[in-house]
Protein backbone atom coordinates (compact mmCIF):
# COMPACT_ATOMS: atom_id res chain seq x y z
CA MET A 1 0.00 0.00 0.00
CA SER A 2 1.36 3.41 -0.89
CA LEU A 3 1.22 6.11 1.74
CA VAL A 4 -0.52 9.44 1.18
CA PRO A 5 2.26 12.02 1.67
CA ASP A 6 0.22 15.05 2.81
CA SER A 7 -1.71 13.15 5.46
CA VAL A 8 -1.10 12.87 9.17
CA LEU A 9 -2.53 10.67 11.88
CA VAL A 10 -2.67 12.66 15.11
CA HIS A 11 -2.51 10.61 18.29
CA THR A 12 -5.07 12.36 20.49
CA CYS A 13 -4.54 12.17 24.23
CA CYS A 14 -7.34 14.58 25.13
CA ALA A 15 -9.59 17.14 23.46
CA HIS A 16 -7.84 20.18 24.89
CA CYS A 17 -4.40 19.23 23.62
CA SER A 18 -5.76 17.97 20.31
CA ALA A 19 -7.66 21.08 19.19
CA TYR A 20 -4.72 23.31 18.33
CA THR A 21 -2.64 20.33 17.18
CA VAL A 22 -5.26 19.44 14.56
CA ALA A 23 -5.65 23.08 13.52
CA TYR A 24 -1.87 23.53 13.23
CA TRP A 25 -1.30 20.61 10.87
CA ARG A 26 -4.32 21.64 8.79
CA THR A 27 -2.89 25.13 8.30
CA LEU A 28 0.24 23.49 6.92
CA GLY A 29 -1.88 21.68 4.32
CA TYR A 30 -2.12 18.23 5.86
CA SER A 31 -5.19 16.05 5.71
CA VAL A 32 -5.68 15.24 9.41
CA THR A 33 -7.15 12.11 10.96
CA GLY A 34 -7.31 11.71 14.73
CA PHE A 35 -6.44 8.47 16.50
CA TRP A 36 -7.51 7.48 20.01
CA TYR A 37 -5.40 4.89 21.82
CA ASN A 38 -4.73 5.61 25.49
CA PRO A 39 -4.67 2.53 27.73
CA ASN A 40 -2.67 4.60 30.21
CA ILE A 41 -5.70 6.67 31.22
CA HIS A 42 -7.18 5.57 34.52
CA PRO A 43 -9.65 4.91 35.87
CA PHE A 44 -11.78 3.53 33.04
CA THR A 45 -14.44 6.17 33.66
CA GLU A 46 -11.80 8.89 33.10
CA HIS A 47 -10.74 7.15 29.88
CA ASN A 48 -14.32 7.21 28.65
CA LEU A 49 -14.90 10.86 29.60
CA ARG A 50 -11.82 11.90 27.63
CA LEU A 51 -12.77 9.72 24.67
CA GLU A 52 -16.25 11.27 24.52
CA ALA A 53 -14.69 14.75 24.60
CA VAL A 54 -12.36 13.83 21.70
CA LYS A 55 -15.33 12.46 19.74
CA LYS A 56 -17.20 15.76 20.24
CA LEU A 57 -14.09 17.67 19.20
CA SER A 58 -13.78 15.64 16.00
CA GLU A 59 -17.40 16.38 15.15
CA THR A 60 -17.09 20.08 15.92
CA MET A 61 -13.78 20.54 14.07
CA ASP A 62 -14.82 18.11 11.33
CA PHE A 63 -11.92 15.67 11.25
CA PRO A 64 -12.19 11.88 11.08
CA LEU A 65 -11.37 10.01 14.26
CA LYS A 66 -10.22 6.41 14.43
CA VAL A 67 -10.74 4.77 17.81
CA GLU A 68 -8.74 1.70 18.78
CA GLU A 69 -11.33 -0.68 20.16
CA GLY A 70 -10.88 -2.13 23.60
CA TYR A 71 -9.03 -0.88 26.63
CA ASP A 72 -5.53 -2.35 26.66
CA PHE A 73 -4.75 -1.46 30.28
CA ARG A 74 -3.13 -4.84 30.99
CA GLU A 75 -0.48 -4.21 28.34
CA TYR A 76 0.10 -0.73 29.73
CA PHE A 77 0.65 -2.05 33.27
CA ARG A 78 2.92 -4.84 31.99
CA MET A 79 5.12 -2.19 30.38
CA VAL A 80 5.31 0.19 33.35
CA ALA A 81 5.37 -2.26 36.26
CA TRP A 82 8.43 -1.75 38.44
CA ARG A 83 9.29 1.30 36.29
CA GLU A 84 6.94 3.79 37.91
CA ASP A 85 9.54 6.56 38.12
CA SER A 86 10.37 6.19 34.42
CA ARG A 87 6.87 5.18 33.29
CA CYS A 88 6.55 7.78 30.53
CA ALA A 89 9.08 6.05 28.27
CA PRO A 90 7.20 2.73 27.96
CA CYS A 91 3.89 4.58 27.88
CA PHE A 92 5.04 6.70 24.92
CA GLU A 93 6.47 3.60 23.23
CA LEU A 94 3.15 1.81 23.57
CA ARG A 95 0.97 4.66 22.31
CA LEU A 96 3.23 6.12 19.62
CA GLY A 97 4.19 2.66 18.39
CA LYS A 98 0.52 1.80 17.96
CA THR A 99 -0.10 5.15 16.23
CA SER A 100 2.71 4.64 13.73
CA ARG A 101 1.47 1.14 12.90
CA LYS A 102 -2.10 2.47 12.50
CA ALA A 103 -0.86 5.21 10.16
CA ARG A 104 0.84 2.58 7.99
CA GLU A 105 -2.27 0.37 8.07
CA LEU A 106 -4.46 3.29 6.98
CA GLY A 107 -2.05 4.45 4.27
CA ILE A 108 -1.37 7.72 6.07
CA GLY A 109 2.12 9.05 5.37
CA SER A 110 2.96 10.54 8.77
CA PHE A 111 1.92 10.65 12.38
CA THR A 112 2.33 12.97 15.33
CA SER A 113 0.85 13.40 18.79
CA SER A 114 -1.05 15.98 20.75
CA LEU A 115 1.42 15.19 23.54
CA LEU A 116 3.74 17.66 21.82
CA ILE A 117 1.62 20.64 22.89
CA SER A 118 1.58 19.85 26.59
CA PRO A 119 4.08 21.65 28.82
CA HIS A 120 3.59 18.79 31.28
CA GLN A 121 5.15 16.12 29.05
CA ASN A 122 8.80 15.16 28.56
CA HIS A 123 9.05 16.68 25.12
CA GLU A 124 12.42 15.28 24.15
CA LEU A 125 11.34 11.77 25.14
CA ALA A 126 8.12 12.07 23.12
CA ARG A 127 9.99 13.30 20.06
CA ASN A 128 12.68 10.61 20.24
CA THR A 129 10.05 7.91 20.76
CA GLY A 130 8.08 9.17 17.75
CA VAL A 131 11.17 9.21 15.53
CA LYS A 132 12.02 5.63 16.56
CA ALA A 133 8.45 4.38 15.99
CA ALA A 134 8.36 6.04 12.57
CA ALA A 135 11.60 4.37 11.50
CA GLU A 136 10.40 0.97 12.72
CA ASN A 137 7.12 1.22 10.81
CA GLY A 138 8.07 3.00 7.60
CA VAL A 139 6.08 6.20 8.09
CA GLY A 140 7.08 9.77 8.77
CA PHE A 141 7.00 11.47 12.16
CA LEU A 142 5.98 15.12 12.16
CA TYR A 143 7.51 17.08 14.96
CA ALA A 144 6.56 20.55 16.11
CA ASP A 145 7.13 22.09 19.52
CA LEU A 146 3.65 23.47 20.14
CA ARG A 147 4.02 24.09 23.88
CA LYS A 148 3.78 27.86 23.46
CA ARG A 149 0.33 27.30 21.90
CA TYR A 150 -1.05 25.27 24.80
CA SER A 151 -3.28 28.10 26.01
CA ASP A 152 -4.48 28.70 22.42
CA SER A 153 -5.71 25.12 22.32
CA ARG A 154 -7.58 25.61 25.58
CA HIS A 155 -9.18 28.79 24.18
CA ILE A 156 -10.41 26.82 21.16
CA THR A 157 -12.10 24.20 23.33
CA LYS A 158 -13.46 26.36 26.15
CA PRO A 159 -16.61 27.45 24.23
CA MET A 160 -17.24 23.82 23.31
CA GLU A 161 -17.71 22.97 27.00
CA LEU A 162 -15.81 19.70 26.69
CA TYR A 163 -14.73 17.60 29.63
CA ARG A 164 -11.44 18.87 31.02
CA GLN A 165 -9.18 16.48 32.89
CA GLN A 166 -7.16 17.42 35.96
CA TYR A 167 -4.14 15.13 35.48
CA CYS A 168 -2.04 13.56 32.75
CA GLY A 169 -3.94 10.31 32.65
CA CYS A 170 -2.22 7.47 34.41
CA ILE A 171 -2.98 6.41 37.94
CA TYR A 172 0.46 7.57 39.02
CA SER A 173 -0.09 11.09 37.68
CA GLU A 174 -3.50 11.16 39.33
CA PHE A 175 -1.91 10.33 42.66
CA GLU A 176 0.84 12.93 42.15
CA ARG A 177 -1.72 15.59 41.22
CA TYR A 178 -4.03 15.06 44.16
CA SER A 179 -1.48 14.09 46.81
CA ALA A 180 0.42 17.30 46.01
CA THR A 181 -2.81 19.26 46.40
CA GLU A 182 -3.53 17.65 49.76
CA GLN A 183 0.03 18.15 50.99
CA GLY A 184 -0.05 21.78 49.85
CA SER A 185 -3.31 22.43 51.71
CA LYS A 186 -1.89 21.00 54.94
CA ALA A 187 1.09 23.38 54.95
């Protein structure tokens, strides 16, 4: 199967990070398709809230969204077990690897991720993981440091009244977010 060169599959981690990411690649002339695969998001109810928000975003912004069926949380935990302090690396490998394979399967020439807009992510790790996944699967990886546009993405989605998460997604980040809040309120 030949790959469509001016097409990009955008791994979508949440609606708020995805909005500007989709708009950005469109302004550069790419045909954008979203892709949902996030077995790292816990609990399951949080996963579903974020997925529904991304679905509404895709309808509102009029871009196709491919959703990986199932909830592969067992694979996620197998990859991060005993590596909690360095959990982002296997998590990125899992999600960006799946995205690059899905791009190839769909005939889409490149992929990227909405992770690249978040100031809360290890940007260098995400970029290096994307480059490696692209090379392994014969597709391109589109890189752009969109962190300075993070608030722009939030401004796009605010009038849409989409669900807004309070932590990165994994159970570890949820604990860090709320335990820090509790510790800060006790001081």
